[in-house]
Amino acid sequence: MKKRLLIPIILFLIIIFIIASRGDKSPSGSEYSVGREVVGIAQVENIDILILESFPVQVNVVASGSFPDSCTEIGLINEIRQDNDFFVSVKTSRPDDVVCAQVITPFEQSIPLSVYGLKAGTYRVDVNGVKDQFILQTDNVLPEDDDRRPADSISPIPSGILD
């Protein structure tokens, strides 16, 4: 009688062990599947705003943080500006059909902001919840050059002047 119970118990334990060793590859609450990829939100820990010495001014945000495993990488980056606020969303992507080493993997991503044409002022930046701000000292537009006119607006030279 004991032998009859022992075999099903051993089989049950083996099945439980196999299921547990596979791990949970399903997306977490902040992730979702798209085709054969799992898309999530990047864990941004810090942002630095770099104002490049050029005119018109260029502004880059350097976001740094960490991925939860060795397979995750930066996915889609989206920027939305509302008045003086920039909202930047950094998504992650990883294949859903591979086993990844569960190690914290640091990342750093430079993100150019669309600042051409903005007026002088203070602008706030939010990258996945991490916030900072920068100041544009002057309007960020090229000065209009009044000395240049399109070729079709140049008056013809009156006849007899070059003779």
N, C-alpha and C. Protein backbone atom coordinates (compact mmCIF):
# COMPACT_ATOMS: atom_id res chain seq x y z
N MET A 1 0.82 -1.19 0.00
CA MET A 1 0.00 0.00 0.00
C MET A 1 0.86 1.26 0.00
N LYS A 2 1.96 1.25 0.77
CA LYS A 2 2.82 2.42 0.82
C LYS A 2 3.50 2.67 -0.51
N LYS A 3 3.83 1.61 -1.26
CA LYS A 3 4.47 1.78 -2.57
C LYS A 3 3.51 2.44 -3.55
N ARG A 4 2.24 2.12 -3.45
CA ARG A 4 1.26 2.71 -4.35
C ARG A 4 1.12 4.22 -4.10
N LEU A 5 1.25 4.69 -2.89
CA LEU A 5 1.15 6.10 -2.57
C LEU A 5 2.45 6.84 -2.84
N LEU A 6 3.56 6.16 -2.73
CA LEU A 6 4.87 6.79 -2.89
C LEU A 6 5.11 7.27 -4.32
N ILE A 7 4.74 6.48 -5.30
CA ILE A 7 4.97 6.83 -6.71
C ILE A 7 4.18 8.10 -7.09
N PRO A 8 2.88 8.22 -6.82
CA PRO A 8 2.18 9.46 -7.16
C PRO A 8 2.72 10.69 -6.42
N ILE A 9 3.14 10.50 -5.18
CA ILE A 9 3.70 11.63 -4.43
C ILE A 9 5.01 12.09 -5.06
N ILE A 10 5.87 11.16 -5.46
CA ILE A 10 7.14 11.52 -6.12
C ILE A 10 6.87 12.21 -7.45
N LEU A 11 5.93 11.69 -8.25
CA LEU A 11 5.58 12.33 -9.52
C LEU A 11 5.05 13.75 -9.29
N PHE A 12 4.21 13.91 -8.29
CA PHE A 12 3.66 15.23 -7.96
C PHE A 12 4.77 16.20 -7.59
N LEU A 13 5.72 15.76 -6.77
CA LEU A 13 6.84 16.61 -6.37
C LEU A 13 7.72 16.97 -7.57
N ILE A 14 7.94 16.04 -8.47
CA ILE A 14 8.75 16.32 -9.67
C ILE A 14 8.06 17.37 -10.53
N ILE A 15 6.76 17.24 -10.71
CA ILE A 15 6.02 18.22 -11.53
C ILE A 15 6.08 19.60 -10.87
N ILE A 16 5.90 19.67 -9.56
CA ILE A 16 5.98 20.95 -8.85
C ILE A 16 7.38 21.56 -9.02
N PHE A 17 8.42 20.74 -8.91
CA PHE A 17 9.79 21.22 -9.06
C PHE A 17 10.03 21.77 -10.47
N ILE A 18 9.53 21.09 -11.48
CA ILE A 18 9.71 21.55 -12.88
C ILE A 18 9.00 22.88 -13.09
N ILE A 19 7.78 22.99 -12.60
CA ILE A 19 7.02 24.23 -12.76
C ILE A 19 7.72 25.38 -12.03
N ALA A 20 8.19 25.13 -10.83
CA ALA A 20 8.86 26.18 -10.05
C ALA A 20 10.19 26.59 -10.67
N SER A 21 10.91 25.67 -11.27
CA SER A 21 12.22 26.00 -11.84
C SER A 21 12.10 26.79 -13.13
N ARG A 22 10.97 26.72 -13.81
CA ARG A 22 10.79 27.50 -15.04
C ARG A 22 10.66 28.98 -14.75
N GLY A 23 10.23 29.33 -13.57
CA GLY A 23 10.05 30.74 -13.22
C GLY A 23 8.80 31.30 -13.86
N ASP A 24 8.46 32.50 -13.46
CA ASP A 24 7.29 33.16 -14.02
C ASP A 24 7.75 34.09 -15.12
N LYS A 25 7.45 33.73 -16.36
CA LYS A 25 7.85 34.56 -17.49
C LYS A 25 6.73 35.47 -17.95
N SER A 26 5.63 35.47 -17.23
CA SER A 26 4.53 36.33 -17.62
C SER A 26 4.86 37.77 -17.24
N PRO A 27 4.30 38.72 -17.98
CA PRO A 27 4.56 40.13 -17.68
C PRO A 27 4.07 40.50 -16.28
N SER A 28 4.81 41.42 -15.65
CA SER A 28 4.39 41.91 -14.34
C SER A 28 3.31 42.97 -14.53
N GLY A 29 2.88 43.60 -13.45
CA GLY A 29 1.80 44.58 -13.52
C GLY A 29 2.13 45.78 -14.39
N SER A 30 3.40 46.16 -14.51
CA SER A 30 3.77 47.33 -15.31
C SER A 30 4.25 46.93 -16.70
N GLU A 31 4.12 45.67 -17.07
CA GLU A 31 4.55 45.20 -18.38
C GLU A 31 3.35 44.63 -19.14
N TYR A 32 3.49 44.58 -20.47
CA TYR A 32 2.47 43.96 -21.29
C TYR A 32 3.14 43.33 -22.50
N SER A 33 2.50 42.35 -23.08
CA SER A 33 3.07 41.64 -24.22
C SER A 33 2.62 42.29 -25.52
N VAL A 34 3.58 42.41 -26.45
CA VAL A 34 3.31 42.88 -27.79
C VAL A 34 3.99 41.89 -28.73
N GLY A 35 3.20 41.04 -29.34
CA GLY A 35 3.81 40.02 -30.19
C GLY A 35 4.68 39.09 -29.37
N ARG A 36 5.95 39.03 -29.73
CA ARG A 36 6.89 38.17 -29.01
C ARG A 36 7.78 38.98 -28.08
N GLU A 37 7.35 40.19 -27.74
CA GLU A 37 8.11 41.06 -26.84
C GLU A 37 7.29 41.39 -25.60
N VAL A 38 8.01 41.65 -24.52
CA VAL A 38 7.38 42.16 -23.31
C VAL A 38 7.84 43.61 -23.18
N VAL A 39 6.88 44.53 -23.13
CA VAL A 39 7.16 45.96 -23.06
C VAL A 39 6.84 46.44 -21.65
N GLY A 40 7.73 47.26 -21.10
CA GLY A 40 7.52 47.80 -19.77
C GLY A 40 7.98 49.24 -19.69
N ILE A 41 8.00 49.78 -18.50
CA ILE A 41 8.44 51.16 -18.26
C ILE A 41 9.82 51.11 -17.63
N ALA A 42 10.76 51.87 -18.18
CA ALA A 42 12.14 51.88 -17.67
C ALA A 42 12.18 52.43 -16.26
N GLN A 43 12.99 51.80 -15.43
CA GLN A 43 13.19 52.26 -14.05
C GLN A 43 14.27 53.35 -14.06
N VAL A 44 13.85 54.61 -14.24
CA VAL A 44 14.77 55.75 -14.29
C VAL A 44 15.03 56.20 -12.86
N GLU A 45 16.30 56.34 -12.52
CA GLU A 45 16.68 56.75 -11.16
C GLU A 45 17.21 58.17 -11.10
N ASN A 46 17.73 58.67 -12.24
CA ASN A 46 18.34 60.00 -12.24
C ASN A 46 18.27 60.57 -13.65
N ILE A 47 18.13 61.90 -13.74
CA ILE A 47 18.25 62.57 -15.04
C ILE A 47 19.21 63.75 -14.89
N ASP A 48 19.99 63.99 -15.94
CA ASP A 48 20.85 65.16 -16.05
C ASP A 48 20.45 65.89 -17.32
N ILE A 49 20.32 67.20 -17.24
CA ILE A 49 19.96 68.00 -18.40
C ILE A 49 21.21 68.70 -18.91
N LEU A 50 21.50 68.48 -20.18
CA LEU A 50 22.68 69.07 -20.81
C LEU A 50 22.22 70.10 -21.84
N ILE A 51 22.65 71.35 -21.67
CA ILE A 51 22.37 72.39 -22.65
C ILE A 51 23.63 72.56 -23.48
N LEU A 52 23.53 72.21 -24.76
CA LEU A 52 24.70 72.23 -25.63
C LEU A 52 24.99 73.66 -26.08
N GLU A 53 26.26 73.97 -26.19
CA GLU A 53 26.68 75.31 -26.60
C GLU A 53 26.58 75.43 -28.11
N SER A 54 25.41 75.79 -28.57
CA SER A 54 25.15 75.97 -29.99
C SER A 54 24.03 76.98 -30.12
N PHE A 55 23.81 77.44 -31.32
CA PHE A 55 22.64 78.27 -31.55
C PHE A 55 22.03 77.88 -32.87
N PRO A 56 20.80 77.49 -32.91
CA PRO A 56 19.90 77.45 -31.77
C PRO A 56 20.35 76.40 -30.74
N VAL A 57 19.95 76.63 -29.51
CA VAL A 57 20.35 75.76 -28.40
C VAL A 57 19.75 74.37 -28.59
N GLN A 58 20.53 73.36 -28.22
CA GLN A 58 20.05 71.98 -28.19
C GLN A 58 20.09 71.52 -26.74
N VAL A 59 19.06 70.78 -26.33
CA VAL A 59 18.97 70.29 -24.96
C VAL A 59 18.81 68.78 -25.00
N ASN A 60 19.67 68.09 -24.25
CA ASN A 60 19.57 66.64 -24.11
C ASN A 60 19.32 66.29 -22.66
N VAL A 61 18.52 65.28 -22.43
CA VAL A 61 18.31 64.73 -21.10
C VAL A 61 19.00 63.38 -21.07
N VAL A 62 19.88 63.17 -20.11
CA VAL A 62 20.54 61.88 -19.95
C VAL A 62 19.85 61.17 -18.79
N ALA A 63 19.11 60.11 -19.13
CA ALA A 63 18.40 59.33 -18.12
C ALA A 63 19.23 58.11 -17.77
N SER A 64 19.38 57.85 -16.48
CA SER A 64 20.10 56.65 -16.05
C SER A 64 19.25 55.89 -15.06
N GLY A 65 19.44 54.58 -15.08
CA GLY A 65 18.65 53.72 -14.21
C GLY A 65 19.14 52.29 -14.33
N SER A 66 18.24 51.35 -14.13
CA SER A 66 18.65 49.96 -14.20
C SER A 66 17.52 49.09 -14.77
N PHE A 67 17.95 48.04 -15.44
CA PHE A 67 17.04 47.02 -15.95
C PHE A 67 17.02 45.86 -14.96
N PRO A 68 15.91 45.11 -14.90
CA PRO A 68 15.83 44.01 -13.94
C PRO A 68 16.56 42.74 -14.38
N ASP A 69 16.98 42.69 -15.64
CA ASP A 69 17.64 41.49 -16.14
C ASP A 69 18.58 41.85 -17.29
N SER A 70 19.30 40.85 -17.78
CA SER A 70 20.30 41.09 -18.81
C SER A 70 19.72 41.18 -20.22
N CYS A 71 18.45 40.87 -20.41
CA CYS A 71 17.83 40.89 -21.75
C CYS A 71 17.07 42.17 -22.05
N THR A 72 16.69 42.91 -21.03
CA THR A 72 15.88 44.11 -21.22
C THR A 72 16.73 45.22 -21.82
N GLU A 73 16.13 45.97 -22.72
CA GLU A 73 16.81 47.11 -23.34
C GLU A 73 15.82 48.25 -23.53
N ILE A 74 16.36 49.42 -23.88
CA ILE A 74 15.50 50.59 -24.13
C ILE A 74 14.64 50.30 -25.34
N GLY A 75 13.37 50.61 -25.22
CA GLY A 75 12.43 50.46 -26.32
C GLY A 75 12.03 51.82 -26.86
N LEU A 76 10.76 52.09 -26.90
CA LEU A 76 10.22 53.33 -27.45
C LEU A 76 10.41 54.49 -26.47
N ILE A 77 10.83 55.64 -27.02
CA ILE A 77 10.94 56.87 -26.22
C ILE A 77 9.97 57.88 -26.82
N ASN A 78 9.12 58.46 -25.98
CA ASN A 78 8.11 59.39 -26.46
C ASN A 78 8.19 60.69 -25.66
N GLU A 79 8.13 61.81 -26.36
CA GLU A 79 8.19 63.13 -25.72
C GLU A 79 6.93 63.90 -26.04
N ILE A 80 6.33 64.48 -24.99
CA ILE A 80 5.17 65.35 -25.16
C ILE A 80 5.47 66.64 -24.40
N ARG A 81 5.20 67.78 -25.04
CA ARG A 81 5.38 69.06 -24.36
C ARG A 81 4.03 69.73 -24.20
N GLN A 82 3.75 70.16 -22.97
CA GLN A 82 2.55 70.94 -22.68
C GLN A 82 3.02 72.22 -22.00
N ASP A 83 2.88 73.33 -22.70
CA ASP A 83 3.34 74.63 -22.21
C ASP A 83 4.85 74.53 -21.89
N ASN A 84 5.23 74.70 -20.63
CA ASN A 84 6.65 74.66 -20.26
C ASN A 84 7.05 73.33 -19.62
N ASP A 85 6.25 72.31 -19.84
CA ASP A 85 6.53 70.99 -19.25
C ASP A 85 6.79 69.97 -20.35
N PHE A 86 7.92 69.25 -20.22
CA PHE A 86 8.23 68.13 -21.10
C PHE A 86 7.96 66.85 -20.33
N PHE A 87 7.17 65.96 -20.92
CA PHE A 87 6.91 64.65 -20.34
C PHE A 87 7.53 63.62 -21.27
N VAL A 88 8.53 62.90 -20.75
CA VAL A 88 9.23 61.91 -21.55
C VAL A 88 8.94 60.53 -20.97
N SER A 89 8.49 59.64 -21.84
CA SER A 89 8.21 58.27 -21.44
C SER A 89 9.26 57.36 -22.08
N VAL A 90 9.96 56.61 -21.24
CA VAL A 90 10.98 55.66 -21.74
C VAL A 90 10.47 54.26 -21.44
N LYS A 91 10.23 53.51 -22.51
CA LYS A 91 9.74 52.13 -22.38
C LYS A 91 10.90 51.17 -22.53
N THR A 92 10.70 49.95 -22.05
CA THR A 92 11.69 48.88 -22.21
C THR A 92 11.10 47.78 -23.06
N SER A 93 11.99 46.93 -23.55
CA SER A 93 11.58 45.81 -24.38
C SER A 93 12.49 44.63 -24.09
N ARG A 94 11.90 43.44 -24.07
CA ARG A 94 12.69 42.22 -23.94
C ARG A 94 11.92 41.10 -24.62
N PRO A 95 12.63 40.11 -25.16
CA PRO A 95 11.95 38.98 -25.77
C PRO A 95 11.19 38.19 -24.70
N ASP A 96 10.03 37.65 -25.07
CA ASP A 96 9.25 36.90 -24.08
C ASP A 96 9.57 35.41 -24.07
N ASP A 97 10.42 34.96 -24.97
CA ASP A 97 10.66 33.52 -25.09
C ASP A 97 12.09 33.10 -24.74
N VAL A 98 12.80 33.93 -23.98
CA VAL A 98 14.17 33.58 -23.59
C VAL A 98 14.32 33.65 -22.07
N VAL A 99 15.28 32.89 -21.58
CA VAL A 99 15.59 32.93 -20.16
C VAL A 99 16.71 33.94 -19.96
N CYS A 100 16.51 34.90 -19.08
CA CYS A 100 17.47 35.99 -18.88
C CYS A 100 18.06 35.89 -17.47
N ALA A 101 19.33 36.25 -17.37
CA ALA A 101 19.96 36.32 -16.05
C ALA A 101 19.30 37.42 -15.25
N GLN A 102 18.86 37.12 -14.06
CA GLN A 102 18.17 38.09 -13.20
C GLN A 102 19.21 38.92 -12.44
N VAL A 103 19.87 39.81 -13.18
CA VAL A 103 20.88 40.68 -12.58
C VAL A 103 20.51 42.13 -12.90
N ILE A 104 20.72 43.00 -11.94
CA ILE A 104 20.48 44.42 -12.16
C ILE A 104 21.50 44.90 -13.19
N THR A 105 21.00 45.48 -14.29
CA THR A 105 21.86 45.94 -15.37
C THR A 105 21.68 47.44 -15.54
N PRO A 106 22.73 48.25 -15.28
CA PRO A 106 22.58 49.71 -15.40
C PRO A 106 22.46 50.15 -16.86
N PHE A 107 21.77 51.26 -17.07
CA PHE A 107 21.68 51.86 -18.41
C PHE A 107 21.80 53.37 -18.30
N GLU A 108 22.16 53.97 -19.43
CA GLU A 108 22.20 55.43 -19.57
C GLU A 108 21.74 55.74 -20.98
N GLN A 109 20.78 56.64 -21.12
CA GLN A 109 20.20 56.96 -22.43
C GLN A 109 20.12 58.47 -22.61
N SER A 110 20.70 58.98 -23.70
CA SER A 110 20.62 60.40 -24.02
C SER A 110 19.37 60.63 -24.88
N ILE A 111 18.57 61.63 -24.49
CA ILE A 111 17.31 61.90 -25.16
C ILE A 111 17.29 63.37 -25.57
N PRO A 112 17.32 63.66 -26.87
CA PRO A 112 17.23 65.06 -27.30
C PRO A 112 15.79 65.59 -27.14
N LEU A 113 15.66 66.79 -26.60
CA LEU A 113 14.34 67.42 -26.47
C LEU A 113 14.10 68.35 -27.65
N SER A 114 12.85 68.50 -28.04
CA SER A 114 12.48 69.38 -29.14
C SER A 114 12.31 70.80 -28.60
N VAL A 115 13.41 71.57 -28.62
CA VAL A 115 13.38 72.90 -28.01
C VAL A 115 13.47 74.04 -29.03
N TYR A 116 13.63 73.71 -30.32
CA TYR A 116 13.72 74.78 -31.31
C TYR A 116 12.40 75.54 -31.37
N GLY A 117 12.50 76.85 -31.37
CA GLY A 117 11.32 77.70 -31.47
C GLY A 117 10.73 78.09 -30.12
N LEU A 118 11.29 77.60 -29.02
CA LEU A 118 10.75 77.93 -27.70
C LEU A 118 11.19 79.32 -27.26
N LYS A 119 10.35 79.97 -26.50
CA LYS A 119 10.66 81.27 -25.93
C LYS A 119 11.57 81.11 -24.72
N ALA A 120 12.28 82.17 -24.38
CA ALA A 120 13.11 82.16 -23.17
C ALA A 120 12.23 81.87 -21.97
N GLY A 121 12.77 81.09 -21.02
CA GLY A 121 11.99 80.78 -19.82
C GLY A 121 12.48 79.52 -19.14
N THR A 122 11.77 79.14 -18.11
CA THR A 122 12.09 77.94 -17.34
C THR A 122 11.21 76.80 -17.84
N TYR A 123 11.82 75.66 -18.07
CA TYR A 123 11.11 74.49 -18.57
C TYR A 123 11.36 73.31 -17.63
N ARG A 124 10.30 72.59 -17.34
CA ARG A 124 10.38 71.41 -16.47
C ARG A 124 10.40 70.15 -17.32
N VAL A 125 11.15 69.15 -16.84
CA VAL A 125 11.28 67.88 -17.55
C VAL A 125 10.93 66.75 -16.58
N ASP A 126 10.08 65.83 -17.03
CA ASP A 126 9.69 64.66 -16.25
C ASP A 126 9.96 63.43 -17.11
N VAL A 127 10.90 62.60 -16.65
CA VAL A 127 11.22 61.35 -17.35
C VAL A 127 10.82 60.20 -16.44
N ASN A 128 9.72 59.54 -16.77
CA ASN A 128 9.20 58.41 -15.98
C ASN A 128 9.11 58.76 -14.49
N GLY A 129 8.71 59.99 -14.19
CA GLY A 129 8.52 60.39 -12.80
C GLY A 129 9.70 61.09 -12.15
N VAL A 130 10.87 61.09 -12.78
CA VAL A 130 12.04 61.79 -12.25
C VAL A 130 12.06 63.18 -12.88
N LYS A 131 12.15 64.22 -12.04
CA LYS A 131 11.94 65.59 -12.53
C LYS A 131 13.17 66.47 -12.32
N ASP A 132 13.32 67.43 -13.24
CA ASP A 132 14.35 68.47 -13.16
C ASP A 132 13.87 69.62 -14.03
N GLN A 133 14.66 70.68 -14.12
CA GLN A 133 14.28 71.81 -14.96
C GLN A 133 15.51 72.46 -15.57
N PHE A 134 15.28 73.27 -16.61
CA PHE A 134 16.35 74.03 -17.23
C PHE A 134 15.80 75.38 -17.64
N ILE A 135 16.71 76.31 -17.92
CA ILE A 135 16.33 77.67 -18.29
C ILE A 135 16.91 77.98 -19.67
N LEU A 136 16.05 78.46 -20.56
CA LEU A 136 16.51 79.02 -21.82
C LEU A 136 16.67 80.52 -21.59
N GLN A 137 17.88 81.01 -21.78
CA GLN A 137 18.16 82.42 -21.51
C GLN A 137 17.58 83.35 -22.58
N THR A 138 17.49 82.85 -23.82
CA THR A 138 16.95 83.65 -24.92
C THR A 138 15.99 82.79 -25.73
N ASP A 139 15.19 83.47 -26.56
CA ASP A 139 14.31 82.72 -27.46
C ASP A 139 15.18 81.81 -28.33
N ASN A 140 14.74 80.60 -28.56
CA ASN A 140 15.54 79.61 -29.28
C ASN A 140 15.13 79.52 -30.74
N VAL A 141 15.30 80.64 -31.44
CA VAL A 141 15.01 80.69 -32.88
C VAL A 141 16.16 81.39 -33.57
N LEU A 142 16.38 81.03 -34.81
CA LEU A 142 17.41 81.71 -35.59
C LEU A 142 16.93 83.12 -35.92
N PRO A 143 17.82 84.10 -35.83
CA PRO A 143 17.40 85.46 -36.19
C PRO A 143 17.12 85.53 -37.69
N GLU A 144 16.12 86.29 -38.03
CA GLU A 144 15.79 86.41 -39.45
C GLU A 144 16.80 87.34 -40.08
N ASP A 145 17.33 86.92 -41.20
CA ASP A 145 18.35 87.68 -41.90
C ASP A 145 17.64 88.51 -42.98
N ASP A 146 17.45 89.81 -42.71
CA ASP A 146 16.72 90.68 -43.65
C ASP A 146 17.51 90.97 -44.92
N ASP A 147 18.84 90.75 -44.89
CA ASP A 147 19.64 91.02 -46.08
C ASP A 147 19.46 89.96 -47.15
N ARG A 148 18.95 88.82 -46.78
CA ARG A 148 18.77 87.75 -47.76
C ARG A 148 17.32 87.74 -48.21
N ARG A 149 17.16 87.72 -49.52
CA ARG A 149 15.81 87.61 -50.06
C ARG A 149 15.82 86.45 -51.04
N PRO A 150 14.72 85.78 -51.19
CA PRO A 150 14.67 84.70 -52.18
C PRO A 150 14.96 85.24 -53.57
N ALA A 151 15.53 84.42 -54.42
CA ALA A 151 15.94 84.83 -55.77
C ALA A 151 14.79 85.38 -56.59
N ASP A 152 13.58 84.87 -56.39
CA ASP A 152 12.45 85.35 -57.20
C ASP A 152 11.98 86.74 -56.78
N SER A 153 12.46 87.25 -55.66
CA SER A 153 12.04 88.59 -55.25
C SER A 153 13.08 89.65 -55.59
N ILE A 154 14.17 89.26 -56.28
CA ILE A 154 15.21 90.23 -56.66
C ILE A 154 14.71 90.97 -57.90
N SER A 155 14.83 92.28 -57.83
CA SER A 155 14.39 93.10 -58.98
C SER A 155 15.37 92.96 -60.13
N PRO A 156 14.87 92.91 -61.35
CA PRO A 156 15.79 92.83 -62.49
C PRO A 156 16.55 94.13 -62.65
N ILE A 157 17.74 94.04 -63.22
CA ILE A 157 18.55 95.23 -63.46
C ILE A 157 17.97 95.95 -64.68
N PRO A 158 17.70 97.25 -64.53
CA PRO A 158 17.15 97.98 -65.67
C PRO A 158 18.12 97.96 -66.85
N SER A 159 17.58 97.90 -68.06
CA SER A 159 18.43 97.85 -69.23
C SER A 159 19.20 99.15 -69.37
N GLY A 160 20.38 99.03 -69.89
CA GLY A 160 21.24 100.18 -70.12
C GLY A 160 22.21 100.44 -68.99
N ILE A 161 22.00 99.88 -67.80
CA ILE A 161 22.90 100.14 -66.69
C ILE A 161 24.23 99.41 -66.90
N LEU A 162 24.18 98.20 -67.38
CA LEU A 162 25.41 97.42 -67.56
C LEU A 162 26.07 97.67 -68.92
N ASP A 163 25.47 98.45 -69.77
CA ASP A 163 26.04 98.68 -71.11
C ASP A 163 27.20 99.63 -71.06
